[in-house]
Amino acid sequence: MSDPTESTRRQMVQEINAAPGSREYLEAKHGQVWNTTELQQDFAVLGFMAPFVIVARKSDGVKGSLLFQHAPRLYHSFTED
């Protein structure tokens, strides 16, 4: 099965992880940031295709996506579907 987004996502992963930001940097740039524990508290993970994770917000069931970096593993930029 061919994934038309694969080359774009691979490029994004390289860019994000080439210079991963600290939590403080990501918060200043993107707003709210979650570590893995916080993500699990606030969202149900439905799937992922790096650098995206598809989630449903537990408080209201709204589905959306987040971006994440590998190390430190931090999630940000929640976008509702």
PDB file of N, CA and C in Angstrom:
ATOM      1  N   MET A   1       0.844  -1.178   0.000  1.00  0.00           N
ATOM      2  CA  MET A   1       0.000   0.000   0.000  1.00  0.00           C
ATOM      3  C   MET A   1       0.889   1.241   0.000  1.00  0.00           C
ATOM      4  N   SER A   2       0.665   2.126  -0.906  1.00  0.00           N
ATOM      5  CA  SER A   2       1.461   3.334  -1.053  1.00  0.00           C
ATOM      6  C   SER A   2       0.910   4.450  -0.168  1.00  0.00           C
ATOM      7  N   ASP A   3       1.809   5.172   0.490  1.00  0.00           N
ATOM      8  CA  ASP A   3       1.424   6.289   1.348  1.00  0.00           C
ATOM      9  C   ASP A   3       1.917   7.578   0.708  1.00  0.00           C
ATOM     10  N   PRO A   4       1.022   8.371   0.137  1.00  0.00           N
ATOM     11  CA  PRO A   4       1.441   9.605  -0.535  1.00  0.00           C
ATOM     12  C   PRO A   4       2.027  10.654   0.412  1.00  0.00           C
ATOM     13  N   THR A   5       1.844  10.488   1.721  1.00  0.00           N
ATOM     14  CA  THR A   5       2.377  11.464   2.687  1.00  0.00           C
ATOM     15  C   THR A   5       3.746  11.067   3.237  1.00  0.00           C
ATOM     16  N   GLU A   6       4.227   9.883   2.885  1.00  0.00           N
ATOM     17  CA  GLU A   6       5.441   9.368   3.523  1.00  0.00           C
ATOM     18  C   GLU A   6       6.652  10.272   3.343  1.00  0.00           C
ATOM     19  N   SER A   7       6.937  10.723   2.138  1.00  0.00           N
ATOM     20  CA  SER A   7       8.136  11.546   1.938  1.00  0.00           C
ATOM     21  C   SER A   7       8.022  12.870   2.690  1.00  0.00           C
ATOM     22  N   THR A   8       6.850  13.466   2.712  1.00  0.00           N
ATOM     23  CA  THR A   8       6.656  14.717   3.451  1.00  0.00           C
ATOM     24  C   THR A   8       6.823  14.492   4.944  1.00  0.00           C
ATOM     25  N   ARG A   9       6.237  13.415   5.453  1.00  0.00           N
ATOM     26  CA  ARG A   9       6.355  13.130   6.887  1.00  0.00           C
ATOM     27  C   ARG A   9       7.796  12.826   7.264  1.00  0.00           C
ATOM     28  N   ARG A  10       8.508  12.071   6.437  1.00  0.00           N
ATOM     29  CA  ARG A  10       9.929  11.775   6.723  1.00  0.00           C
ATOM     30  C   ARG A  10      10.750  13.053   6.804  1.00  0.00           C
ATOM     31  N   GLN A  11      10.490  13.974   5.887  1.00  0.00           N
ATOM     32  CA  GLN A  11      11.188  15.258   5.905  1.00  0.00           C
ATOM     33  C   GLN A  11      10.871  16.013   7.199  1.00  0.00           C
ATOM     34  N   MET A  12       9.601  16.031   7.586  1.00  0.00           N
ATOM     35  CA  MET A  12       9.199  16.712   8.825  1.00  0.00           C
ATOM     36  C   MET A  12       9.879  16.086  10.038  1.00  0.00           C
ATOM     37  N   VAL A  13       9.933  14.756  10.090  1.00  0.00           N
ATOM     38  CA  VAL A  13      10.578  14.059  11.205  1.00  0.00           C
ATOM     39  C   VAL A  13      12.045  14.464  11.295  1.00  0.00           C
ATOM     40  N   GLN A  14      12.727  14.492  10.164  1.00  0.00           N
ATOM     41  CA  GLN A  14      14.140  14.893  10.153  1.00  0.00           C
ATOM     42  C   GLN A  14      14.315  16.314  10.668  1.00  0.00           C
ATOM     43  N   GLU A  15      13.466  17.222  10.198  1.00  0.00           N
ATOM     44  CA  GLU A  15      13.575  18.621  10.616  1.00  0.00           C
ATOM     45  C   GLU A  15      13.278  18.793  12.098  1.00  0.00           C
ATOM     46  N   ILE A  16      12.213  18.157  12.574  1.00  0.00           N
ATOM     47  CA  ILE A  16      11.825  18.278  13.981  1.00  0.00           C
ATOM     48  C   ILE A  16      12.898  17.713  14.898  1.00  0.00           C
ATOM     49  N   ASN A  17      13.467  16.570  14.538  1.00  0.00           N
ATOM     50  CA  ASN A  17      14.410  15.894  15.417  1.00  0.00           C
ATOM     51  C   ASN A  17      15.859  16.314  15.212  1.00  0.00           C
ATOM     52  N   ALA A  18      16.133  17.117  14.176  1.00  0.00           N
ATOM     53  CA  ALA A  18      17.497  17.608  13.959  1.00  0.00           C
ATOM     54  C   ALA A  18      17.908  18.565  15.078  1.00  0.00           C
ATOM     55  N   ALA A  19      16.948  19.334  15.557  1.00  0.00           N
ATOM     56  CA  ALA A  19      17.200  20.291  16.644  1.00  0.00           C
ATOM     57  C   ALA A  19      15.979  20.304  17.553  1.00  0.00           C
ATOM     58  N   PRO A  20      15.771  19.217  18.317  1.00  0.00           N
ATOM     59  CA  PRO A  20      14.575  19.168  19.170  1.00  0.00           C
ATOM     60  C   PRO A  20      14.593  20.269  20.219  1.00  0.00           C
ATOM     61  N   GLY A  21      13.425  20.807  20.476  1.00  0.00           N
ATOM     62  CA  GLY A  21      13.312  21.905  21.417  1.00  0.00           C
ATOM     63  C   GLY A  21      13.046  21.434  22.835  1.00  0.00           C
ATOM     64  N   SER A  22      13.394  22.270  23.779  1.00  0.00           N
ATOM     65  CA  SER A  22      13.050  22.014  25.178  1.00  0.00           C
ATOM     66  C   SER A  22      11.563  22.269  25.357  1.00  0.00           C
ATOM     67  N   ARG A  23      11.032  21.853  26.459  1.00  0.00           N
ATOM     68  CA  ARG A  23       9.621  22.100  26.753  1.00  0.00           C
ATOM     69  C   ARG A  23       9.326  23.603  26.725  1.00  0.00           C
ATOM     70  N   GLU A  24      10.194  24.385  27.336  1.00  0.00           N
ATOM     71  CA  GLU A  24      10.002  25.834  27.398  1.00  0.00           C
ATOM     72  C   GLU A  24       9.999  26.453  25.995  1.00  0.00           C
ATOM     73  N   TYR A  25      10.901  26.007  25.155  1.00  0.00           N
ATOM     74  CA  TYR A  25      10.960  26.516  23.781  1.00  0.00           C
ATOM     75  C   TYR A  25       9.678  26.171  23.027  1.00  0.00           C
ATOM     76  N   LEU A  26       9.247  24.905  23.135  1.00  0.00           N
ATOM     77  CA  LEU A  26       8.041  24.477  22.423  1.00  0.00           C
ATOM     78  C   LEU A  26       6.801  25.201  22.934  1.00  0.00           C
ATOM     79  N   GLU A  27       6.726  25.445  24.245  1.00  0.00           N
ATOM     80  CA  GLU A  27       5.587  26.174  24.802  1.00  0.00           C
ATOM     81  C   GLU A  27       5.551  27.602  24.267  1.00  0.00           C
ATOM     82  N   ALA A  28       6.707  28.244  24.179  1.00  0.00           N
ATOM     83  CA  ALA A  28       6.765  29.612  23.659  1.00  0.00           C
ATOM     84  C   ALA A  28       6.375  29.660  22.182  1.00  0.00           C
ATOM     85  N   LYS A  29       6.729  28.627  21.442  1.00  0.00           N
ATOM     86  CA  LYS A  29       6.476  28.604  20.005  1.00  0.00           C
ATOM     87  C   LYS A  29       5.089  28.072  19.639  1.00  0.00           C
ATOM     88  N   HIS A  30       4.598  27.051  20.380  1.00  0.00           N
ATOM     89  CA  HIS A  30       3.377  26.349  19.983  1.00  0.00           C
ATOM     90  C   HIS A  30       2.256  26.371  21.008  1.00  0.00           C
ATOM     91  N   GLY A  31       2.488  26.903  22.190  1.00  0.00           N
ATOM     92  CA  GLY A  31       1.455  26.872  23.231  1.00  0.00           C
ATOM     93  C   GLY A  31       1.590  25.623  24.084  1.00  0.00           C
ATOM     94  N   GLN A  32       0.467  25.004  24.427  1.00  0.00           N
ATOM     95  CA  GLN A  32       0.485  23.877  25.356  1.00  0.00           C
ATOM     96  C   GLN A  32       1.306  22.712  24.815  1.00  0.00           C
ATOM     97  N   VAL A  33       2.057  22.092  25.716  1.00  0.00           N
ATOM     98  CA  VAL A  33       2.921  20.956  25.405  1.00  0.00           C
ATOM     99  C   VAL A  33       2.619  19.851  26.399  1.00  0.00           C
ATOM    100  N   TRP A  34       2.668  18.592  25.940  1.00  0.00           N
ATOM    101  CA  TRP A  34       2.405  17.438  26.795  1.00  0.00           C
ATOM    102  C   TRP A  34       3.585  16.481  26.724  1.00  0.00           C
ATOM    103  N   ASN A  35       3.959  15.905  27.876  1.00  0.00           N
ATOM    104  CA  ASN A  35       4.868  14.766  27.842  1.00  0.00           C
ATOM    105  C   ASN A  35       3.993  13.523  27.693  1.00  0.00           C
ATOM    106  N   THR A  36       4.584  12.347  27.680  1.00  0.00           N
ATOM    107  CA  THR A  36       3.806  11.126  27.436  1.00  0.00           C
ATOM    108  C   THR A  36       2.747  10.893  28.509  1.00  0.00           C
ATOM    109  N   THR A  37       3.081  11.092  29.762  1.00  0.00           N
ATOM    110  CA  THR A  37       2.128  10.889  30.852  1.00  0.00           C
ATOM    111  C   THR A  37       0.970  11.873  30.740  1.00  0.00           C
ATOM    112  N   GLU A  38       1.278  13.131  30.483  1.00  0.00           N
ATOM    113  CA  GLU A  38       0.239  14.150  30.344  1.00  0.00           C
ATOM    114  C   GLU A  38      -0.653  13.868  29.132  1.00  0.00           C
ATOM    115  N   LEU A  39      -0.043  13.412  28.050  1.00  0.00           N
ATOM    116  CA  LEU A  39      -0.812  13.066  26.860  1.00  0.00           C
ATOM    117  C   LEU A  39      -1.832  11.976  27.189  1.00  0.00           C
ATOM    118  N   GLN A  40      -1.391  10.954  27.914  1.00  0.00           N
ATOM    119  CA  GLN A  40      -2.275   9.844  28.270  1.00  0.00           C
ATOM    120  C   GLN A  40      -3.397  10.283  29.202  1.00  0.00           C
ATOM    121  N   GLN A  41      -3.159  11.301  30.000  1.00  0.00           N
ATOM    122  CA  GLN A  41      -4.196  11.819  30.895  1.00  0.00           C
ATOM    123  C   GLN A  41      -5.258  12.595  30.125  1.00  0.00           C
ATOM    124  N   ASP A  42      -4.833  13.356  29.121  1.00  0.00           N
ATOM    125  CA  ASP A  42      -5.741  14.258  28.407  1.00  0.00           C
ATOM    126  C   ASP A  42      -6.336  13.688  27.128  1.00  0.00           C
ATOM    127  N   PHE A  43      -5.689  12.683  26.534  1.00  0.00           N
ATOM    128  CA  PHE A  43      -6.109  12.184  25.228  1.00  0.00           C
ATOM    129  C   PHE A  43      -6.116  10.661  25.184  1.00  0.00           C
ATOM    130  N   ALA A  44      -6.966  10.129  24.332  1.00  0.00           N
ATOM    131  CA  ALA A  44      -6.904   8.721  23.941  1.00  0.00           C
ATOM    132  C   ALA A  44      -6.194   8.701  22.592  1.00  0.00           C
ATOM    133  N   VAL A  45      -5.132   7.929  22.492  1.00  0.00           N
ATOM    134  CA  VAL A  45      -4.382   7.844  21.242  1.00  0.00           C
ATOM    135  C   VAL A  45      -5.084   6.873  20.306  1.00  0.00           C
ATOM    136  N   LEU A  46      -5.383   7.338  19.102  1.00  0.00           N
ATOM    137  CA  LEU A  46      -6.090   6.537  18.115  1.00  0.00           C
ATOM    138  C   LEU A  46      -5.150   5.950  17.072  1.00  0.00           C
ATOM    139  N   GLY A  47      -4.010   6.588  16.868  1.00  0.00           N
ATOM    140  CA  GLY A  47      -3.034   6.102  15.899  1.00  0.00           C
ATOM    141  C   GLY A  47      -1.935   7.119  15.716  1.00  0.00           C
ATOM    142  N   PHE A  48      -0.899   6.698  14.994  1.00  0.00           N
ATOM    143  CA  PHE A  48       0.168   7.656  14.728  1.00  0.00           C
ATOM    144  C   PHE A  48       0.898   7.304  13.444  1.00  0.00           C
ATOM    145  N   MET A  49       1.414   8.324  12.825  1.00  0.00           N
ATOM    146  CA  MET A  49       2.298   8.249  11.674  1.00  0.00           C
ATOM    147  C   MET A  49       3.247   9.427  11.862  1.00  0.00           C
ATOM    148  N   ALA A  50       4.413   9.134  12.403  1.00  0.00           N
ATOM    149  CA  ALA A  50       5.360  10.181  12.763  1.00  0.00           C
ATOM    150  C   ALA A  50       5.471  11.227  11.661  1.00  0.00           C
ATOM    151  N   PRO A  51       5.477  12.485  12.024  1.00  0.00           N
ATOM    152  CA  PRO A  51       5.524  13.070  13.357  1.00  0.00           C
ATOM    153  C   PRO A  51       4.149  13.425  13.924  1.00  0.00           C
ATOM    154  N   PHE A  52       3.109  12.747  13.459  1.00  0.00           N
ATOM    155  CA  PHE A  52       1.750  13.031  13.917  1.00  0.00           C
ATOM    156  C   PHE A  52       1.220  11.912  14.798  1.00  0.00           C
ATOM    157  N   VAL A  53       0.388  12.288  15.760  1.00  0.00           N
ATOM    158  CA  VAL A  53      -0.373  11.316  16.541  1.00  0.00           C
ATOM    159  C   VAL A  53      -1.828  11.768  16.483  1.00  0.00           C
ATOM    160  N   ILE A  54      -2.709  10.819  16.189  1.00  0.00           N
ATOM    161  CA  ILE A  54      -4.144  11.104  16.098  1.00  0.00           C
ATOM    162  C   ILE A  54      -4.760  10.777  17.445  1.00  0.00           C
ATOM    163  N   VAL A  55      -5.553  11.700  17.970  1.00  0.00           N
ATOM    164  CA  VAL A  55      -6.052  11.575  19.341  1.00  0.00           C
ATOM    165  C   VAL A  55      -7.525  11.962  19.432  1.00  0.00           C
ATOM    166  N   ALA A  56      -8.130  11.559  20.537  1.00  0.00           N
ATOM    167  CA  ALA A  56      -9.456  12.051  20.933  1.00  0.00           C
ATOM    168  C   ALA A  56      -9.287  12.649  22.319  1.00  0.00           C
ATOM    169  N   ARG A  57      -9.675  13.901  22.483  1.00  0.00           N
ATOM    170  CA  ARG A  57      -9.552  14.569  23.779  1.00  0.00           C
ATOM    171  C   ARG A  57     -10.548  13.941  24.742  1.00  0.00           C
ATOM    172  N   LYS A  58     -10.083  13.506  25.894  1.00  0.00           N
ATOM    173  CA  LYS A  58     -10.931  12.799  26.853  1.00  0.00           C
ATOM    174  C   LYS A  58     -12.014  13.688  27.444  1.00  0.00           C
ATOM    175  N   SER A  59     -11.758  14.967  27.599  1.00  0.00           N
ATOM    176  CA  SER A  59     -12.727  15.860  28.243  1.00  0.00           C
ATOM    177  C   SER A  59     -14.010  16.026  27.438  1.00  0.00           C
ATOM    178  N   ASP A  60     -13.905  15.960  26.100  1.00  0.00           N
ATOM    179  CA  ASP A  60     -15.096  16.205  25.281  1.00  0.00           C
ATOM    180  C   ASP A  60     -15.200  15.323  24.035  1.00  0.00           C
ATOM    181  N   GLY A  61     -14.243  14.409  23.857  1.00  0.00           N
ATOM    182  CA  GLY A  61     -14.293  13.494  22.724  1.00  0.00           C
ATOM    183  C   GLY A  61     -13.881  14.080  21.392  1.00  0.00           C
ATOM    184  N   VAL A  62     -13.451  15.327  21.368  1.00  0.00           N
ATOM    185  CA  VAL A  62     -13.043  15.962  20.120  1.00  0.00           C
ATOM    186  C   VAL A  62     -11.801  15.260  19.579  1.00  0.00           C
ATOM    187  N   LYS A  63     -11.854  14.896  18.286  1.00  0.00           N
ATOM    188  CA  LYS A  63     -10.711  14.251  17.645  1.00  0.00           C
ATOM    189  C   LYS A  63      -9.826  15.292  16.998  1.00  0.00           C
ATOM    190  N   GLY A  64      -8.546  14.964  16.927  1.00  0.00           N
ATOM    191  CA  GLY A  64      -7.591  15.864  16.316  1.00  0.00           C
ATOM    192  C   GLY A  64      -6.238  15.219  16.201  1.00  0.00           C
ATOM    193  N   SER A  65      -5.233  16.046  15.981  1.00  0.00           N
ATOM    194  CA  SER A  65      -3.874  15.540  15.851  1.00  0.00           C
ATOM    195  C   SER A  65      -2.903  16.431  16.615  1.00  0.00           C
ATOM    196  N   LEU A  66      -1.769  15.841  16.953  1.00  0.00           N
ATOM    197  CA  LEU A  66      -0.668  16.545  17.593  1.00  0.00           C
ATOM    198  C   LEU A  66       0.597  16.216  16.817  1.00  0.00           C
ATOM    199  N   LEU A  67       1.571  17.109  16.873  1.00  0.00           N
ATOM    200  CA  LEU A  67       2.916  16.827  16.392  1.00  0.00           C
ATOM    201  C   LEU A  67       3.748  16.355  17.576  1.00  0.00           C
ATOM    202  N   PHE A  68       4.783  15.549  17.309  1.00  0.00           N
ATOM    203  CA  PHE A  68       5.683  15.178  18.400  1.00  0.00           C
ATOM    204  C   PHE A  68       7.114  15.089  17.919  1.00  0.00           C
ATOM    205  N   GLN A  69       8.016  15.317  18.862  1.00  0.00           N
ATOM    206  CA  GLN A  69       9.442  15.122  18.626  1.00  0.00           C
ATOM    207  C   GLN A  69       9.882  13.912  19.430  1.00  0.00           C
ATOM    208  N   HIS A  70      11.006  13.321  19.005  1.00  0.00           N
ATOM    209  CA  HIS A  70      11.431  12.057  19.603  1.00  0.00           C
ATOM    210  C   HIS A  70      12.055  12.222  20.992  1.00  0.00           C
ATOM    211  N   ALA A  71      13.099  13.055  21.104  1.00  0.00           N
ATOM    212  CA  ALA A  71      13.805  13.138  22.386  1.00  0.00           C
ATOM    213  C   ALA A  71      14.188  14.582  22.677  1.00  0.00           C
ATOM    214  N   PRO A  72      13.676  15.168  23.727  1.00  0.00           N
ATOM    215  CA  PRO A  72      12.713  14.540  24.633  1.00  0.00           C
ATOM    216  C   PRO A  72      11.356  14.388  23.949  1.00  0.00           C
ATOM    217  N   ARG A  73      10.645  13.308  24.270  1.00  0.00           N
ATOM    218  CA  ARG A  73       9.342  13.050  23.642  1.00  0.00           C
ATOM    219  C   ARG A  73       8.343  14.047  24.197  1.00  0.00           C
ATOM    220  N   LEU A  74       7.992  15.005  23.349  1.00  0.00           N
ATOM    221  CA  LEU A  74       7.023  16.034  23.707  1.00  0.00           C
ATOM    222  C   LEU A  74       6.037  16.198  22.557  1.00  0.00           C
ATOM    223  N   TYR A  75       4.803  16.449  22.891  1.00  0.00           N
ATOM    224  CA  TYR A  75       3.709  16.584  21.946  1.00  0.00           C
ATOM    225  C   TYR A  75       3.200  18.021  21.986  1.00  0.00           C
ATOM    226  N   HIS A  76       2.819  18.561  20.836  1.00  0.00           N
ATOM    227  CA  HIS A  76       2.359  19.953  20.787  1.00  0.00           C
ATOM    228  C   HIS A  76       1.497  20.173  19.558  1.00  0.00           C
ATOM    229  N   SER A  77       0.979  21.374  19.433  1.00  0.00           N
ATOM    230  CA  SER A  77       0.237  21.830  18.252  1.00  0.00           C
ATOM    231  C   SER A  77      -1.056  21.030  18.020  1.00  0.00           C
ATOM    232  N   PHE A  78      -1.865  20.878  19.082  1.00  0.00           N
ATOM    233  CA  PHE A  78      -3.135  20.190  18.907  1.00  0.00           C
ATOM    234  C   PHE A  78      -3.986  20.917  17.882  1.00  0.00           C
ATOM    235  N   THR A  79      -4.495  20.174  16.906  1.00  0.00           N
ATOM    236  CA  THR A  79      -5.367  20.707  15.870  1.00  0.00           C
ATOM    237  C   THR A  79      -6.611  19.835  15.809  1.00  0.00           C
ATOM    238  N   GLU A  80      -7.765  20.447  15.994  1.00  0.00           N
ATOM    239  CA  GLU A  80      -9.020  19.699  15.894  1.00  0.00           C
ATOM    240  C   GLU A  80      -9.288  19.313  14.454  1.00  0.00           C
ATOM    241  N   ASP A  81      -9.912  18.146  14.261  1.00  0.00           N
ATOM    242  CA  ASP A  81     -10.325  17.724  12.922  1.00  0.00           C
ATOM    243  C   ASP A  81     -11.544  18.501  12.484  1.00  0.00           C
TER     244      ASP A  81
END
